[in-house]
C-alpha atoms as a PDB file:
ATOM      1  CA  UNK A   1      55.842-212.625-166.951  1.00  0.00           C
ATOM      2  CA  UNK A   2      53.461-214.274-164.490  1.00  0.00           C
ATOM      3  CA  UNK A   3      54.245-217.830-163.442  1.00  0.00           C
ATOM      4  CA  UNK A   4      50.817-218.895-164.741  1.00  0.00           C
ATOM      5  CA  UNK A   5      51.950-218.147-168.290  1.00  0.00           C
ATOM      6  CA  UNK A   6      54.337-221.109-168.235  1.00  0.00           C
ATOM      7  CA  UNK A   7      52.079-223.504-166.333  1.00  0.00           C
ATOM      8  CA  UNK A   8      51.521-225.716-169.377  1.00  0.00           C
ATOM      9  CA  UNK A   9      55.261-225.903-170.042  1.00  0.00           C
ATOM     10  CA  UNK A  10      56.400-227.332-166.711  1.00  0.00           C
ATOM     11  CA  UNK A  11      55.346-230.497-164.841  1.00  0.00           C
ATOM     12  CA  UNK A  12      52.271-230.034-162.660  1.00  0.00           C
ATOM     13  CA  UNK A  13      53.964-231.176-159.445  1.00  0.00           C
ATOM     14  CA  UNK A  14      56.818-228.745-160.057  1.00  0.00           C
ATOM     15  CA  UNK A  15      54.433-225.882-160.843  1.00  0.00           C
ATOM     16  CA  UNK A  16      52.549-226.441-157.590  1.00  0.00           C
ATOM     17  CA  UNK A  17      55.807-226.013-155.661  1.00  0.00           C
ATOM     18  CA  UNK A  18      57.245-223.080-157.602  1.00  0.00           C
ATOM     19  CA  UNK A  19      53.963-221.176-157.685  1.00  0.00           C
ATOM     20  CA  UNK A  20      53.976-220.983-153.883  1.00  0.00           C
ATOM     21  CA  UNK A  21      57.295-219.122-153.974  1.00  0.00           C
ATOM     22  CA  UNK A  22      57.137-217.218-157.246  1.00  0.00           C
ATOM     23  CA  UNK A  23      54.288-215.244-158.763  1.00  0.00           C
ATOM     24  CA  UNK A  24      56.192-213.014-161.167  1.00  0.00           C
ATOM     25  CA  UNK A  25      59.237-214.402-162.921  1.00  0.00           C
ATOM     26  CA  UNK A  26      62.391-212.358-162.531  1.00  0.00           C
ATOM     27  CA  UNK A  27      63.998-210.857-165.662  1.00  0.00           C
ATOM     28  CA  UNK A  28      66.669-213.555-166.121  1.00  0.00           C
ATOM     29  CA  UNK A  29      64.072-216.312-165.683  1.00  0.00           C
ATOM     30  CA  UNK A  30      61.715-214.806-168.242  1.00  0.00           C
ATOM     31  CA  UNK A  31      64.544-214.203-170.723  1.00  0.00           C
ATOM     32  CA  UNK A  32      65.861-217.740-170.284  1.00  0.00           C
ATOM     33  CA  UNK A  33      62.450-219.261-170.957  1.00  0.00           C
ATOM     34  CA  UNK A  34      61.950-217.095-174.036  1.00  0.00           C
ATOM     35  CA  UNK A  35      65.356-218.214-175.344  1.00  0.00           C
ATOM     36  CA  UNK A  36      64.523-221.905-175.047  1.00  0.00           C
ATOM     37  CA  UNK A  37      65.366-223.020-171.511  1.00  0.00           C
ATOM     38  CA  UNK A  38      62.323-225.314-171.461  1.00  0.00           C
ATOM     39  CA  UNK A  39      62.923-226.494-175.026  1.00  0.00           C
ATOM     40  CA  UNK A  40      66.323-228.068-174.474  1.00  0.00           C
ATOM     41  CA  UNK A  41      68.418-225.122-175.649  1.00  0.00           C
ATOM     42  CA  UNK A  42      71.833-224.430-174.135  1.00  0.00           C
ATOM     43  CA  UNK A  43      71.600-221.308-171.989  1.00  0.00           C
ATOM     44  CA  UNK A  44      74.254-219.107-170.361  1.00  0.00           C
ATOM     45  CA  UNK A  45      72.738-216.931-167.630  1.00  0.00           C
ATOM     46  CA  UNK A  46      74.856-213.968-166.490  1.00  0.00           C
ATOM     47  CA  UNK A  47      73.081-211.896-163.867  1.00  0.00           C
ATOM     48  CA  UNK A  48      73.863-210.486-160.400  1.00  0.00           C
ATOM     49  CA  UNK A  49      73.809-212.545-157.213  1.00  0.00           C
ATOM     50  CA  UNK A  50      70.305-213.357-155.880  1.00  0.00           C
ATOM     51  CA  UNK A  51      68.662-212.430-159.196  1.00  0.00           C
ATOM     52  CA  UNK A  52      67.020-215.836-159.650  1.00  0.00           C
ATOM     53  CA  UNK A  53      69.550-217.880-161.629  1.00  0.00           C
ATOM     54  CA  UNK A  54      69.109-221.026-159.543  1.00  0.00           C
ATOM     55  CA  UNK A  55      65.459-221.352-160.506  1.00  0.00           C
ATOM     56  CA  UNK A  56      66.524-221.436-164.157  1.00  0.00           C
ATOM     57  CA  UNK A  57      68.556-224.522-163.353  1.00  0.00           C
ATOM     58  CA  UNK A  58      65.699-226.026-161.354  1.00  0.00           C
ATOM     59  CA  UNK A  59      63.193-225.549-164.163  1.00  0.00           C
ATOM     60  CA  UNK A  60      65.583-227.237-166.585  1.00  0.00           C
ATOM     61  CA  UNK A  61      66.344-230.298-164.472  1.00  0.00           C
ATOM     62  CA  UNK A  62      62.815-230.839-163.165  1.00  0.00           C
ATOM     63  CA  UNK A  63      61.342-230.706-166.660  1.00  0.00           C
ATOM     64  CA  UNK A  64      63.847-233.201-168.046  1.00  0.00           C
ATOM     65  CA  UNK A  65      63.466-235.565-165.118  1.00  0.00           C
ATOM     66  CA  UNK A  66      59.696-235.425-164.740  1.00  0.00           C
ATOM     67  CA  UNK A  67      59.167-235.851-168.480  1.00  0.00           C
ATOM     68  CA  UNK A  68      61.547-238.838-168.400  1.00  0.00           C
ATOM     69  CA  UNK A  69      63.981-237.360-170.882  1.00  0.00           C
ATOM     70  CA  UNK A  70      66.922-238.409-168.743  1.00  0.00           C
ATOM     71  CA  UNK A  71      69.059-237.711-165.716  1.00  0.00           C
ATOM     72  CA  UNK A  72      70.232-234.301-164.555  1.00  0.00           C
ATOM     73  CA  UNK A  73      73.614-233.370-163.110  1.00  0.00           C
ATOM     74  CA  UNK A  74      74.089-230.198-161.071  1.00  0.00           C
ATOM     75  CA  UNK A  75      77.767-229.198-160.910  1.00  0.00           C
ATOM     76  CA  UNK A  76      79.116-226.784-158.285  1.00  0.00           C
ATOM     77  CA  UNK A  77      82.690-225.731-157.414  1.00  0.00           C
ATOM     78  CA  UNK A  78      82.774-226.687-153.724  1.00  0.00           C
ATOM     79  CA  UNK A  79      81.801-229.747-151.671  1.00  0.00           C
ATOM     80  CA  UNK A  80      80.104-227.535-149.087  1.00  0.00           C
ATOM     81  CA  UNK A  81      77.968-225.925-151.780  1.00  0.00           C
ATOM     82  CA  UNK A  82      77.148-229.357-153.200  1.00  0.00           C
ATOM     83  CA  UNK A  83      75.885-230.483-149.790  1.00  0.00           C
ATOM     84  CA  UNK A  84      73.834-227.302-149.477  1.00  0.00           C
ATOM     85  CA  UNK A  85      72.205-227.789-152.880  1.00  0.00           C
ATOM     86  CA  UNK A  86      71.584-231.467-152.148  1.00  0.00           C
ATOM     87  CA  UNK A  87      69.701-230.685-148.942  1.00  0.00           C
ATOM     88  CA  UNK A  88      67.777-227.845-150.569  1.00  0.00           C
ATOM     89  CA  UNK A  89      66.666-229.748-153.685  1.00  0.00           C
ATOM     90  CA  UNK A  90      65.860-232.933-151.769  1.00  0.00           C
ATOM     91  CA  UNK A  91      63.572-230.995-149.451  1.00  0.00           C
ATOM     92  CA  UNK A  92      61.987-228.907-152.205  1.00  0.00           C
ATOM     93  CA  UNK A  93      61.446-231.784-154.657  1.00  0.00           C
ATOM     94  CA  UNK A  94      60.971-234.913-152.483  1.00  0.00           C
ATOM     95  CA  UNK A  95      59.564-236.867-155.439  1.00  0.00           C
ATOM     96  CA  UNK A  96      62.864-236.597-157.356  1.00  0.00           C
ATOM     97  CA  UNK A  97      65.501-239.189-156.499  1.00  0.00           C
ATOM     98  CA  UNK A  98      68.452-236.988-155.602  1.00  0.00           C
ATOM     99  CA  UNK A  99      72.015-238.096-154.847  1.00  0.00           C
ATOM    100  CA  UNK A 100      75.166-236.362-153.630  1.00  0.00           C
ATOM    101  CA  UNK A 101      78.446-237.491-155.195  1.00  0.00           C
ATOM    102  CA  UNK A 102      81.495-235.686-153.792  1.00  0.00           C
ATOM    103  CA  UNK A 103      83.541-238.542-152.322  1.00  0.00           C
ATOM    104  CA  UNK A 104      86.248-240.858-153.639  1.00  0.00           C
ATOM    105  CA  UNK A 105      87.412-239.602-157.036  1.00  0.00           C
ATOM    106  CA  UNK A 106      88.692-243.083-157.851  1.00  0.00           C
ATOM    107  CA  UNK A 107      85.190-244.555-157.814  1.00  0.00           C
ATOM    108  CA  UNK A 108      82.556-244.622-160.546  1.00  0.00           C
ATOM    109  CA  UNK A 109      79.797-244.617-157.897  1.00  0.00           C
ATOM    110  CA  UNK A 110      77.670-247.256-159.702  1.00  0.00           C
ATOM    111  CA  UNK A 111      74.787-246.666-157.260  1.00  0.00           C
ATOM    112  CA  UNK A 112      74.087-243.363-159.035  1.00  0.00           C
ATOM    113  CA  UNK A 113      72.308-245.269-161.786  1.00  0.00           C
ATOM    114  CA  UNK A 114      69.280-245.375-159.454  1.00  0.00           C
ATOM    115  CA  UNK A 115      69.075-241.578-159.071  1.00  0.00           C
ATOM    116  CA  UNK A 116      67.604-238.897-161.314  1.00  0.00           C
ATOM    117  CA  UNK A 117      69.373-235.772-160.017  1.00  0.00           C
ATOM    118  CA  UNK A 118      73.047-235.925-159.118  1.00  0.00           C
ATOM    119  CA  UNK A 119      74.759-233.082-157.265  1.00  0.00           C
ATOM    120  CA  UNK A 120      78.535-233.084-157.658  1.00  0.00           C
ATOM    121  CA  UNK A 121      81.700-231.022-158.102  1.00  0.00           C
ATOM    122  CA  UNK A 122      83.579-230.558-161.357  1.00  0.00           C
ATOM    123  CA  UNK A 123      86.465-232.689-160.064  1.00  0.00           C
ATOM    124  CA  UNK A 124      84.175-235.572-159.115  1.00  0.00           C
ATOM    125  CA  UNK A 125      82.213-235.275-162.355  1.00  0.00           C
ATOM    126  CA  UNK A 126      85.491-235.419-164.259  1.00  0.00           C
ATOM    127  CA  UNK A 127      86.303-238.651-162.402  1.00  0.00           C
ATOM    128  CA  UNK A 128      82.882-240.145-163.167  1.00  0.00           C
ATOM    129  CA  UNK A 129      83.352-239.393-166.855  1.00  0.00           C
ATOM    130  CA  UNK A 130      86.856-240.880-166.914  1.00  0.00           C
ATOM    131  CA  UNK A 131      85.610-244.015-165.142  1.00  0.00           C
ATOM    132  CA  UNK A 132      82.953-244.300-167.860  1.00  0.00           C
ATOM    133  CA  UNK A 133      80.072-244.538-165.409  1.00  0.00           C
ATOM    134  CA  UNK A 134      77.346-246.632-167.019  1.00  0.00           C
ATOM    135  CA  UNK A 135      74.617-244.034-166.548  1.00  0.00           C
ATOM    136  CA  UNK A 136      76.385-241.180-168.367  1.00  0.00           C
ATOM    137  CA  UNK A 137      74.496-241.830-171.597  1.00  0.00           C
ATOM    138  CA  UNK A 138      71.250-241.229-169.714  1.00  0.00           C
ATOM    139  CA  UNK A 139      72.090-237.594-168.917  1.00  0.00           C
ATOM    140  CA  UNK A 140      69.708-235.090-170.493  1.00  0.00           C
ATOM    141  CA  UNK A 141      70.823-231.840-168.855  1.00  0.00           C
ATOM    142  CA  UNK A 142      73.825-230.547-166.925  1.00  0.00           C
ATOM    143  CA  UNK A 143      73.719-227.340-164.895  1.00  0.00           C
ATOM    144  CA  UNK A 144      77.067-225.676-164.194  1.00  0.00           C
ATOM    145  CA  UNK A 145      76.766-223.282-161.256  1.00  0.00           C
ATOM    146  CA  UNK A 146      79.463-220.584-160.975  1.00  0.00           C
ATOM    147  CA  UNK A 147      80.563-221.432-164.503  1.00  0.00           C
ATOM    148  CA  UNK A 148      82.780-218.330-164.622  1.00  0.00           C
ATOM    149  CA  UNK A 149      85.324-220.380-162.639  1.00  0.00           C
ATOM    150  CA  UNK A 150      86.377-221.699-166.034  1.00  0.00           C
ATOM    151  CA  UNK A 151      88.851-218.799-165.846  1.00  0.00           C
ATOM    152  CA  UNK A 152      90.132-219.845-162.424  1.00  0.00           C
ATOM    153  CA  UNK A 153      93.782-221.050-162.531  1.00  0.00           C
ATOM    154  CA  UNK A 154      92.997-223.866-160.106  1.00  0.00           C
ATOM    155  CA  UNK A 155      89.575-225.224-161.035  1.00  0.00           C
ATOM    156  CA  UNK A 156      89.267-223.801-164.530  1.00  0.00           C
ATOM    157  CA  UNK A 157      91.165-226.472-166.496  1.00  0.00           C
ATOM    158  CA  UNK A 158      89.160-229.332-164.979  1.00  0.00           C
ATOM    159  CA  UNK A 159      85.884-227.561-165.647  1.00  0.00           C
ATOM    160  CA  UNK A 160      86.885-226.841-169.249  1.00  0.00           C
ATOM    161  CA  UNK A 161      87.844-230.463-169.831  1.00  0.00           C
ATOM    162  CA  UNK A 162      84.586-231.706-168.303  1.00  0.00           C
ATOM    163  CA  UNK A 163      82.469-229.498-170.557  1.00  0.00           C
ATOM    164  CA  UNK A 164      84.523-230.355-173.652  1.00  0.00           C
ATOM    165  CA  UNK A 165      84.384-234.120-173.107  1.00  0.00           C
ATOM    166  CA  UNK A 166      80.731-234.004-172.109  1.00  0.00           C
ATOM    167  CA  UNK A 167      79.731-232.284-175.337  1.00  0.00           C
ATOM    168  CA  UNK A 168      81.641-234.876-177.364  1.00  0.00           C
ATOM    169  CA  UNK A 169      80.099-237.805-175.506  1.00  0.00           C
ATOM    170  CA  UNK A 170      76.530-236.515-175.438  1.00  0.00           C
ATOM    171  CA  UNK A 171      75.648-234.654-178.620  1.00  0.00           C
ATOM    172  CA  UNK A 172      72.138-233.739-177.457  1.00  0.00           C
ATOM    173  CA  UNK A 173      72.814-232.846-173.823  1.00  0.00           C
ATOM    174  CA  UNK A 174      71.414-229.522-172.649  1.00  0.00           C
ATOM    175  CA  UNK A 175      73.920-227.299-170.851  1.00  0.00           C
ATOM    176  CA  UNK A 176      72.797-224.517-168.535  1.00  0.00           C
ATOM    177  CA  UNK A 177      75.555-222.230-167.246  1.00  0.00           C
ATOM    178  CA  UNK A 178      74.921-219.923-164.294  1.00  0.00           C
ATOM    179  CA  UNK A 179      77.187-217.041-163.307  1.00  0.00           C
ATOM    180  CA  UNK A 180      77.130-213.650-161.657  1.00  0.00           C
ATOM    181  CA  UNK A 181      80.235-212.376-163.427  1.00  0.00           C
ATOM    182  CA  UNK A 182      81.796-213.263-166.771  1.00  0.00           C
ATOM    183  CA  UNK A 183      84.223-210.938-168.487  1.00  0.00           C
ATOM    184  CA  UNK A 184      83.544-212.169-172.021  1.00  0.00           C
ATOM    185  CA  UNK A 185      79.956-213.502-172.016  1.00  0.00           C
ATOM    186  CA  UNK A 186      79.451-213.368-175.788  1.00  0.00           C
ATOM    187  CA  UNK A 187      82.590-215.398-176.478  1.00  0.00           C
ATOM    188  CA  UNK A 188      81.742-217.776-173.646  1.00  0.00           C
ATOM    189  CA  UNK A 189      78.218-218.353-174.974  1.00  0.00           C
ATOM    190  CA  UNK A 190      79.559-218.964-178.475  1.00  0.00           C
ATOM    191  CA  UNK A 191      81.974-221.603-177.124  1.00  0.00           C
ATOM    192  CA  UNK A 192      79.080-223.333-175.342  1.00  0.00           C
ATOM    193  CA  UNK A 193      76.846-222.978-178.394  1.00  0.00           C
ATOM    194  CA  UNK A 194      74.418-221.371-175.965  1.00  0.00           C
ATOM    195  CA  UNK A 195      71.847-218.599-175.928  1.00  0.00           C
ATOM    196  CA  UNK A 196      73.148-215.704-173.813  1.00  0.00           C
ATOM    197  CA  UNK A 197      70.938-214.239-171.102  1.00  0.00           C
ATOM    198  CA  UNK A 198      72.227-211.035-169.529  1.00  0.00           C
ATOM    199  CA  UNK A 199      70.487-208.733-167.091  1.00  0.00           C
ATOM    200  CA  UNK A 200      71.489-206.216-164.416  1.00  0.00           C
ATOM    201  CA  UNK A 201      68.380-206.527-162.255  1.00  0.00           C
ATOM    202  CA  UNK A 202      69.045-206.959-158.538  1.00  0.00           C
ATOM    203  CA  UNK A 203      66.580-207.651-155.711  1.00  0.00           C
ATOM    204  CA  UNK A 204      68.335-204.912-153.739  1.00  0.00           C
ATOM    205  CA  UNK A 205      69.822-201.889-155.505  1.00  0.00           C
ATOM    206  CA  UNK A 206      73.603-201.668-155.257  1.00  0.00           C
ATOM    207  CA  UNK A 207      75.062-198.348-154.100  1.00  0.00           C
ATOM    208  CA  UNK A 208      78.725-197.381-154.267  1.00  0.00           C
ATOM    209  CA  UNK A 209      80.337-194.990-151.847  1.00  0.00           C
ATOM    210  CA  UNK A 210      83.492-193.996-149.991  1.00  0.00           C
ATOM    211  CA  UNK A 211      83.791-194.199-146.215  1.00  0.00           C
ATOM    212  CA  UNK A 212      85.879-191.438-144.583  1.00  0.00           C
ATOM    213  CA  UNK A 213      85.922-190.087-141.040  1.00  0.00           C
ATOM    214  CA  UNK A 214      82.708-191.798-140.025  1.00  0.00           C
ATOM    215  CA  UNK A 215      80.756-190.734-143.087  1.00  0.00           C
ATOM    216  CA  UNK A 216      79.875-192.405-146.381  1.00  0.00           C
ATOM    217  CA  UNK A 217      79.722-190.347-149.524  1.00  0.00           C
ATOM    218  CA  UNK A 218      77.770-192.126-152.271  1.00  0.00           C
ATOM    219  CA  UNK A 219      78.465-191.610-155.929  1.00  0.00           C
END
Protein backbone atom coordinates (compact mmCIF):
# COMPACT_ATOMS: atom_id res chain seq x y z
CA UNK A 1 0.00 0.00 0.00
CA UNK A 2 1.35 3.41 -0.99
CA UNK A 3 1.27 6.14 1.64
CA UNK A 4 -0.86 8.26 -0.72
CA UNK A 5 -3.72 5.79 -0.33
CA UNK A 6 -4.26 6.86 3.28
CA UNK A 7 -3.65 10.58 2.77
CA UNK A 8 -7.31 11.45 3.37
CA UNK A 9 -7.37 9.41 6.58
CA UNK A 10 -4.56 11.15 8.46
CA UNK A 11 -4.05 14.83 9.37
CA UNK A 12 -2.38 16.87 6.64
CA UNK A 13 0.51 18.05 8.82
CA UNK A 14 1.22 14.47 9.87
CA UNK A 15 1.04 13.21 6.28
CA UNK A 16 3.57 15.81 5.15
CA UNK A 17 6.04 14.50 7.74
CA UNK A 18 5.45 10.78 7.27
CA UNK A 19 5.46 10.98 3.48
CA UNK A 20 9.06 12.22 3.55
CA UNK A 21 10.14 9.03 5.33
CA UNK A 22 7.70 6.44 4.01
CA UNK A 23 6.48 5.84 0.48
CA UNK A 24 5.30 2.25 0.76
CA UNK A 25 3.71 1.09 3.99
CA UNK A 26 5.27 -1.98 5.55
CA UNK A 27 3.13 -5.12 5.94
CA UNK A 28 2.25 -4.59 9.62
CA UNK A 29 1.31 -0.96 8.96
CA UNK A 30 -0.96 -1.84 6.05
CA UNK A 31 -2.59 -4.68 7.99
CA UNK A 32 -3.14 -2.47 11.03
CA UNK A 33 -4.83 0.22 8.96
CA UNK A 34 -7.06 -2.32 7.23
CA UNK A 35 -8.08 -3.71 10.64
CA UNK A 36 -9.17 -0.32 11.95
CA UNK A 37 -6.12 1.41 13.42
CA UNK A 38 -7.33 4.77 12.12
CA UNK A 39 -10.94 4.06 13.10
CA UNK A 40 -10.38 3.72 16.83
CA UNK A 41 -10.15 -0.08 16.94
CA UNK A 42 -7.96 -1.82 19.50
CA UNK A 43 -4.96 -3.32 17.70
CA UNK A 44 -2.29 -5.80 18.81
CA UNK A 45 0.72 -5.69 16.48
CA UNK A 46 3.11 -8.66 16.70
CA UNK A 47 5.95 -8.37 14.21
CA UNK A 48 9.76 -8.59 14.25
CA UNK A 49 12.03 -5.80 15.47
CA UNK A 50 12.42 -2.87 13.03
CA UNK A 51 9.38 -3.95 11.00
CA UNK A 52 7.56 -0.64 11.45
CA UNK A 53 5.46 -1.10 14.59
CA UNK A 54 6.28 2.33 16.02
CA UNK A 55 4.68 4.12 13.09
CA UNK A 56 1.43 2.29 13.87
CA UNK A 57 1.49 3.91 17.28
CA UNK A 58 2.38 7.29 15.79
CA UNK A 59 -0.49 7.19 13.30
CA UNK A 60 -2.90 6.36 16.11
CA UNK A 61 -1.83 9.11 18.51
CA UNK A 62 -1.38 11.83 15.90
CA UNK A 63 -4.82 11.21 14.43
CA UNK A 64 -6.52 11.33 17.83
CA UNK A 65 -4.65 14.43 18.92
CA UNK A 66 -4.87 16.41 15.70
CA UNK A 67 -8.58 15.64 15.32
CA UNK A 68 -9.10 16.74 18.94
CA UNK A 69 -10.52 13.42 20.07
CA UNK A 70 -8.39 13.49 23.20
CA UNK A 71 -5.00 12.96 24.75
CA UNK A 72 -2.59 10.15 23.94
CA UNK A 73 -0.39 8.21 26.33
CA UNK A 74 2.64 6.26 25.10
CA UNK A 75 3.72 3.64 27.65
CA UNK A 76 7.19 2.04 27.59
CA UNK A 77 8.93 -0.30 30.06
CA UNK A 78 12.06 1.75 30.82
CA UNK A 79 12.79 5.37 31.75
CA UNK A 80 15.64 5.49 29.24
CA UNK A 81 13.32 4.37 26.46
CA UNK A 82 10.73 6.92 27.57
CA UNK A 83 13.32 9.70 27.27
CA UNK A 84 14.33 8.42 23.84
CA UNK A 85 10.74 8.39 22.58
CA UNK A 86 10.09 11.82 24.09
CA UNK A 87 13.02 13.37 22.23
CA UNK A 88 12.13 11.58 19.00
CA UNK A 89 8.43 12.48 18.96
CA UNK A 90 9.02 16.06 20.10
CA UNK A 91 11.43 16.60 17.23
CA UNK A 92 9.31 14.80 14.65
CA UNK A 93 5.99 16.40 15.65
CA UNK A 94 6.89 19.86 17.04
CA UNK A 95 3.27 21.01 16.79
CA UNK A 96 2.12 18.39 19.33
CA UNK A 97 2.49 19.34 22.98
CA UNK A 98 4.54 16.44 24.30
CA UNK A 99 5.46 15.72 27.93
CA UNK A 100 7.68 13.19 29.68
CA UNK A 101 6.39 11.79 32.98
CA UNK A 102 8.80 9.33 34.62
CA UNK A 103 9.55 11.01 37.95
CA UNK A 104 8.01 10.91 41.42
CA UNK A 105 5.46 8.09 41.56
CA UNK A 106 3.76 9.81 44.49
CA UNK A 107 2.73 12.78 42.35
CA UNK A 108 -0.26 13.19 40.05
CA UNK A 109 1.74 15.60 37.86
CA UNK A 110 -1.16 18.07 37.42
CA UNK A 111 0.83 20.01 34.79
CA UNK A 112 0.16 17.17 32.33
CA UNK A 113 -3.32 18.55 31.75
CA UNK A 114 -1.69 21.06 29.37
CA UNK A 115 -0.10 18.38 27.16
CA UNK A 116 -1.54 16.25 24.37
CA UNK A 117 0.99 13.40 24.22
CA UNK A 118 2.38 11.94 27.42
CA UNK A 119 5.33 9.54 27.40
CA UNK A 120 5.58 7.44 30.55
CA UNK A 121 6.38 4.04 32.07
CA UNK A 122 3.82 1.51 33.25
CA UNK A 123 4.79 2.13 36.88
CA UNK A 124 4.33 5.90 36.57
CA UNK A 125 1.10 5.49 34.62
CA UNK A 126 -0.18 3.20 37.36
CA UNK A 127 0.61 5.96 39.88
CA UNK A 128 -1.16 8.61 37.78
CA UNK A 129 -4.26 6.43 37.60
CA UNK A 130 -4.23 5.73 41.35
CA UNK A 131 -3.83 9.45 42.08
CA UNK A 132 -6.89 10.05 39.88
CA UNK A 133 -5.16 12.63 37.71
CA UNK A 134 -7.80 15.07 36.48
CA UNK A 135 -6.95 14.65 32.81
CA UNK A 136 -7.40 10.86 32.66
CA UNK A 137 -10.93 11.16 31.28
CA UNK A 138 -9.52 13.07 28.32
CA UNK A 139 -7.43 10.12 27.09
CA UNK A 140 -8.46 8.84 23.66
CA UNK A 141 -5.67 6.36 22.90
CA UNK A 142 -2.96 4.51 24.81
CA UNK A 143 -0.03 2.84 23.07
CA UNK A 144 1.73 0.08 25.01
CA UNK A 145 5.20 -0.53 23.59
CA UNK A 146 6.80 -3.91 24.40
CA UNK A 147 3.42 -5.13 25.63
CA UNK A 148 4.71 -8.71 25.80
CA UNK A 149 6.29 -7.72 29.13
CA UNK A 150 2.87 -8.50 30.58
CA UNK A 151 4.42 -11.95 31.09
CA UNK A 152 7.46 -10.55 32.89
CA UNK A 153 7.56 -11.55 36.60
CA UNK A 154 8.75 -8.08 37.57
CA UNK A 155 6.87 -5.60 35.40
CA UNK A 156 4.05 -7.82 34.21
CA UNK A 157 1.65 -7.47 37.16
CA UNK A 158 1.78 -3.66 37.10
CA UNK A 159 1.20 -3.58 33.36
CA UNK A 160 -1.74 -5.97 33.65
CA UNK A 161 -3.32 -3.89 36.39
CA UNK A 162 -2.85 -0.68 34.40
CA UNK A 163 -4.56 -2.11 31.33
CA UNK A 164 -7.38 -3.66 33.38
CA UNK A 165 -8.15 -0.48 35.33
CA UNK A 166 -7.78 1.69 32.24
CA UNK A 167 -10.38 -0.30 30.33
CA UNK A 168 -12.80 -0.04 33.24
CA UNK A 169 -12.30 3.71 33.62
CA UNK A 170 -12.40 4.59 29.93
CA UNK A 171 -14.88 2.44 28.04
CA UNK A 172 -14.08 3.98 24.65
CA UNK A 173 -10.30 4.28 24.90
CA UNK A 174 -8.33 2.87 21.97
CA UNK A 175 -5.51 0.51 22.95
CA UNK A 176 -2.62 -0.20 20.60
CA UNK A 177 -0.21 -2.92 21.73
CA UNK A 178 3.19 -3.29 20.08
CA UNK A 179 5.44 -6.32 20.47
CA UNK A 180 8.08 -8.31 18.65
CA UNK A 181 7.37 -11.55 20.49
CA UNK A 182 4.23 -12.91 22.13
CA UNK A 183 3.81 -16.59 22.83
CA UNK A 184 0.00 -16.59 22.76
CA UNK A 185 -1.02 -13.69 20.48
CA UNK A 186 -4.57 -14.92 19.81
CA UNK A 187 -5.36 -15.24 23.52
CA UNK A 188 -3.66 -11.92 24.22
CA UNK A 189 -5.67 -10.14 21.52
CA UNK A 190 -8.90 -11.65 22.82
CA UNK A 191 -8.12 -10.37 26.34
CA UNK A 192 -7.52 -6.87 24.93
CA UNK A 193 -10.60 -7.11 22.72
CA UNK A 194 -8.22 -6.20 19.92
CA UNK A 195 -7.68 -6.99 16.26
CA UNK A 196 -4.55 -9.12 15.88
CA UNK A 197 -1.90 -8.11 13.35
CA UNK A 198 0.83 -10.67 12.77
CA UNK A 199 3.57 -10.65 10.17
CA UNK A 200 7.06 -12.13 9.76
CA UNK A 201 8.45 -9.48 7.42
CA UNK A 202 11.87 -8.13 8.38
CA UNK A 203 13.86 -5.28 6.82
CA UNK A 204 16.89 -7.58 6.89
CA UNK A 205 16.50 -11.33 6.42
CA UNK A 206 17.42 -13.37 9.48
CA UNK A 207 19.84 -16.27 8.96
CA UNK A 208 20.61 -18.97 11.50
CA UNK A 209 23.91 -20.77 11.66
CA UNK A 210 26.49 -22.49 13.85
CA UNK A 211 29.98 -21.10 14.38
CA UNK A 212 32.75 -23.71 14.71
CA UNK A 213 36.50 -23.47 14.17
CA UNK A 214 36.34 -20.11 12.45
CA UNK A 215 33.53 -21.05 10.10
CA UNK A 216 29.77 -20.51 10.12
CA UNK A 217 27.51 -23.18 8.73
CA UNK A 218 24.05 -21.80 7.94
CA UNK A 219 20.94 -23.90 8.08
